[in-house]
C-alpha atoms as a PDB file:
ATOM      1  CA  MET A   1       5.970-143.143 116.099  1.00  0.00           C
ATOM      2  CA  ASN A   2       6.523-139.388 116.415  1.00  0.00           C
ATOM      3  CA  LYS A   3       9.688-139.922 118.459  1.00  0.00           C
ATOM      4  CA  LYS A   4      11.079-142.100 115.670  1.00  0.00           C
ATOM      5  CA  LEU A   5      10.309-139.443 113.017  1.00  0.00           C
ATOM      6  CA  ILE A   6      11.816-136.685 115.149  1.00  0.00           C
ATOM      7  CA  ALA A   7      14.963-138.731 115.778  1.00  0.00           C
ATOM      8  CA  THR A   8      15.301-139.533 112.072  1.00  0.00           C
ATOM      9  CA  GLY A   9      14.817-135.863 111.158  1.00  0.00           C
ATOM     10  CA  LEU A  10      17.385-134.788 113.732  1.00  0.00           C
ATOM     11  CA  VAL A  11      19.984-137.260 112.422  1.00  0.00           C
ATOM     12  CA  ALA A  12      19.325-136.150 108.827  1.00  0.00           C
ATOM     13  CA  SER A  13      19.738-132.491 109.824  1.00  0.00           C
ATOM     14  CA  ILE A  14      23.050-133.181 111.571  1.00  0.00           C
ATOM     15  CA  LEU A  15      24.366-135.142 108.590  1.00  0.00           C
ATOM     16  CA  THR A  16      23.285-132.407 106.171  1.00  0.00           C
ATOM     17  CA  ALA A  17      24.896-129.671 108.268  1.00  0.00           C
ATOM     18  CA  GLY A  18      28.107-131.704 108.500  1.00  0.00           C
ATOM     19  CA  GLY A  19      28.117-132.277 104.770  1.00  0.00           C
ATOM     20  CA  VAL A  20      27.621-128.584 104.014  1.00  0.00           C
ATOM     21  CA  ALA A  21      30.385-127.602 106.450  1.00  0.00           C
ATOM     22  CA  GLY A  22      32.704-130.206 104.938  1.00  0.00           C
ATOM     23  CA  ALA A  23      31.992-128.999 101.424  1.00  0.00           C
ATOM     24  CA  ALA A  24      32.624-125.379 102.448  1.00  0.00           C
ATOM     25  CA  TRP A  25      35.942-126.349 104.061  1.00  0.00           C
ATOM     26  CA  ALA A  26      36.999-128.304 100.970  1.00  0.00           C
ATOM     27  CA  GLU A  27      36.103-125.379  98.701  1.00  0.00           C
ATOM     28  CA  THR A  28      38.127-123.000 100.872  1.00  0.00           C
ATOM     29  CA  LYS A  29      41.061-125.413 100.881  1.00  0.00           C
ATOM     30  CA  ALA A  30      40.961-125.807  97.085  1.00  0.00           C
ATOM     31  CA  GLY A  31      40.032-122.173  96.465  1.00  0.00           C
ATOM     32  CA  SER A  32      42.378-119.247  96.110  1.00  0.00           C
ATOM     33  CA  PRO A  33      45.980-119.997  96.982  1.00  0.00           C
ATOM     34  CA  ALA A  34      47.887-117.879  99.517  1.00  0.00           C
ATOM     35  CA  LEU A  35      50.316-116.731  96.799  1.00  0.00           C
ATOM     36  CA  THR A  36      49.277-114.779  93.743  1.00  0.00           C
ATOM     37  CA  ALA A  37      50.697-115.639  90.334  1.00  0.00           C
ATOM     38  CA  THR A  38      52.705-112.391  90.449  1.00  0.00           C
ATOM     39  CA  GLN A  39      54.296-113.384  93.764  1.00  0.00           C
ATOM     40  CA  ALA A  40      55.115-116.860  92.437  1.00  0.00           C
ATOM     41  CA  ILE A  41      56.731-115.332  89.341  1.00  0.00           C
ATOM     42  CA  GLU A  42      58.868-113.039  91.516  1.00  0.00           C
ATOM     43  CA  ILE A  43      60.069-116.032  93.553  1.00  0.00           C
ATOM     44  CA  ALA A  44      60.846-118.013  90.391  1.00  0.00           C
ATOM     45  CA  LEU A  45      62.748-115.130  88.760  1.00  0.00           C
ATOM     46  CA  ALA A  46      64.867-114.684  91.902  1.00  0.00           C
ATOM     47  CA  GLU A  47      66.113-118.261  91.405  1.00  0.00           C
ATOM     48  CA  VAL A  48      66.123-118.433  87.599  1.00  0.00           C
ATOM     49  CA  PRO A  49      66.589-115.036  85.950  1.00  0.00           C
ATOM     50  CA  GLY A  50      65.136-114.738  82.471  1.00  0.00           C
ATOM     51  CA  GLU A  51      61.924-114.129  80.566  1.00  0.00           C
ATOM     52  CA  VAL A  52      58.704-115.717  81.829  1.00  0.00           C
ATOM     53  CA  GLN A  53      57.094-117.780  79.074  1.00  0.00           C
ATOM     54  CA  GLU A  54      54.125-119.186  80.993  1.00  0.00           C
ATOM     55  CA  ALA A  55      52.703-119.387  84.512  1.00  0.00           C
ATOM     56  CA  GLU A  56      50.045-121.925  85.514  1.00  0.00           C
ATOM     57  CA  LEU A  57      48.312-122.860  88.749  1.00  0.00           C
ATOM     58  CA  GLU A  58      47.844-126.628  88.915  1.00  0.00           C
ATOM     59  CA  THR A  59      46.809-129.200  91.484  1.00  0.00           C
ATOM     60  CA  GLU A  60      49.325-131.972  92.116  1.00  0.00           C
ATOM     61  CA  ASP A  61      48.726-134.652  94.734  1.00  0.00           C
ATOM     62  CA  GLY A  62      46.021-132.496  96.325  1.00  0.00           C
ATOM     63  CA  SER A  63      48.227-129.396  96.637  1.00  0.00           C
ATOM     64  CA  GLN A  64      48.168-126.275  94.520  1.00  0.00           C
ATOM     65  CA  VAL A  65      51.415-125.604  92.677  1.00  0.00           C
ATOM     66  CA  TYR A  66      52.493-122.808  90.370  1.00  0.00           C
ATOM     67  CA  GLU A  67      54.493-123.966  87.355  1.00  0.00           C
ATOM     68  CA  ILE A  68      56.524-121.079  85.978  1.00  0.00           C
ATOM     69  CA  GLU A  69      58.351-121.541  82.664  1.00  0.00           C
ATOM     70  CA  ILE A  70      61.318-119.196  82.176  1.00  0.00           C
ATOM     71  CA  LEU A  71      63.616-118.784  79.178  1.00  0.00           C
ATOM     72  CA  ASN A  72      67.063-118.164  80.712  1.00  0.00           C
ATOM     73  CA  ALA A  73      70.001-116.195  79.269  1.00  0.00           C
ATOM     74  CA  GLU A  74      71.437-119.356  77.661  1.00  0.00           C
ATOM     75  CA  GLY A  75      68.197-119.946  75.782  1.00  0.00           C
ATOM     76  CA  VAL A  76      67.196-122.936  77.923  1.00  0.00           C
ATOM     77  CA  GLU A  77      63.581-123.123  79.026  1.00  0.00           C
ATOM     78  CA  MET A  78      63.458-123.830  82.748  1.00  0.00           C
ATOM     79  CA  GLU A  79      60.452-124.899  84.798  1.00  0.00           C
ATOM     80  CA  VAL A  80      60.146-123.763  88.410  1.00  0.00           C
ATOM     81  CA  GLU A  81      57.489-125.399  90.613  1.00  0.00           C
ATOM     82  CA  ILE A  82      56.383-123.373  93.626  1.00  0.00           C
ATOM     83  CA  ASP A  83      54.017-124.398  96.430  1.00  0.00           C
ATOM     84  CA  ALA A  84      51.091-121.971  96.102  1.00  0.00           C
ATOM     85  CA  GLU A  85      50.484-121.926  99.859  1.00  0.00           C
ATOM     86  CA  THR A  86      54.012-121.575 101.255  1.00  0.00           C
ATOM     87  CA  GLY A  87      55.993-120.058  98.374  1.00  0.00           C
ATOM     88  CA  MET A  88      58.558-122.822  98.748  1.00  0.00           C
ATOM     89  CA  ILE A  89      60.354-123.867  95.565  1.00  0.00           C
ATOM     90  CA  LEU A  90      59.613-127.537  95.019  1.00  0.00           C
ATOM     91  CA  GLU A  91      61.605-128.191  91.868  1.00  0.00           C
ATOM     92  CA  ILE A  92      63.709-126.483  89.222  1.00  0.00           C
ATOM     93  CA  GLU A  93      64.482-128.320  86.010  1.00  0.00           C
ATOM     94  CA  ALA A  94      65.186-127.789  82.354  1.00  0.00           C
ATOM     95  CA  GLU A  95      61.929-128.148  80.446  1.00  0.00           C
ATOM     96  CA  ASP A  96      63.362-130.934  78.248  1.00  0.00           C
ATOM     97  CA  ASP A  97      64.900-132.774  81.215  1.00  0.00           C
ATOM     98  CA  ASP A  98      62.423-135.661  81.269  1.00  0.00           C
ATOM     99  CA  ASP A  99      64.572-137.972  83.377  1.00  0.00           C
ATOM    100  CA  GLY A 100      65.140-135.443  86.193  1.00  0.00           C
ATOM    101  CA  ASP A 101      68.936-135.805  86.294  1.00  0.00           C
ATOM    102  CA  GLY A 102      69.587-132.094  85.769  1.00  0.00           C
ATOM    103  CA  ASP A 103      70.792-132.224  82.167  1.00  0.00           C
ATOM    104  CA  ASP A 104      68.875-131.881  78.929  1.00  0.00           C
ATOM    105  CA  ALA A 105      70.126-135.169  77.489  1.00  0.00           C
ATOM    106  CA  ASP A 106      67.527-137.893  77.278  1.00  0.00           C
ATOM    107  CA  ASP A 107      69.459-140.812  78.759  1.00  0.00           C
ATOM    108  CA  ASP A 108      66.932-143.322  77.428  1.00  0.00           C
ATOM    109  CA  ASP A 109      67.964-142.544  73.848  1.00  0.00           C
ATOM    110  CA  GLU A 110      71.716-142.853  74.426  1.00  0.00           C
ATOM    111  CA  GLN A 111      73.449-145.918  73.060  1.00  0.00           C
ATOM    112  CA  ASP A 112      76.537-147.596  74.437  1.00  0.00           C
ATOM    113  CA  THR A 113      79.395-147.677  71.950  1.00  0.00           C
END
């Protein structure tokens, strides 16, 4: 009887320790990104010069991404997505470019004449 209780207690302790370690690893992974917001803004401005309107840290598909909105010299609001861990630029698009084709025209609303 005592051996069964000891074995059960040992298994419970191992599972608890594993769960705590897993939770700590997940918190570290989802915690502070390698890049600061200031660094992400500098990277974005090097690609799209202008005035920063907004900078947000978001989670997309399990990865942390900075979304930097910049008003360029032509008055177009651009969005630059930067991987918060690597600093790699993931996407640059005009804020109103919903269809991702690189222009501001909404192709869904165009009519054939």
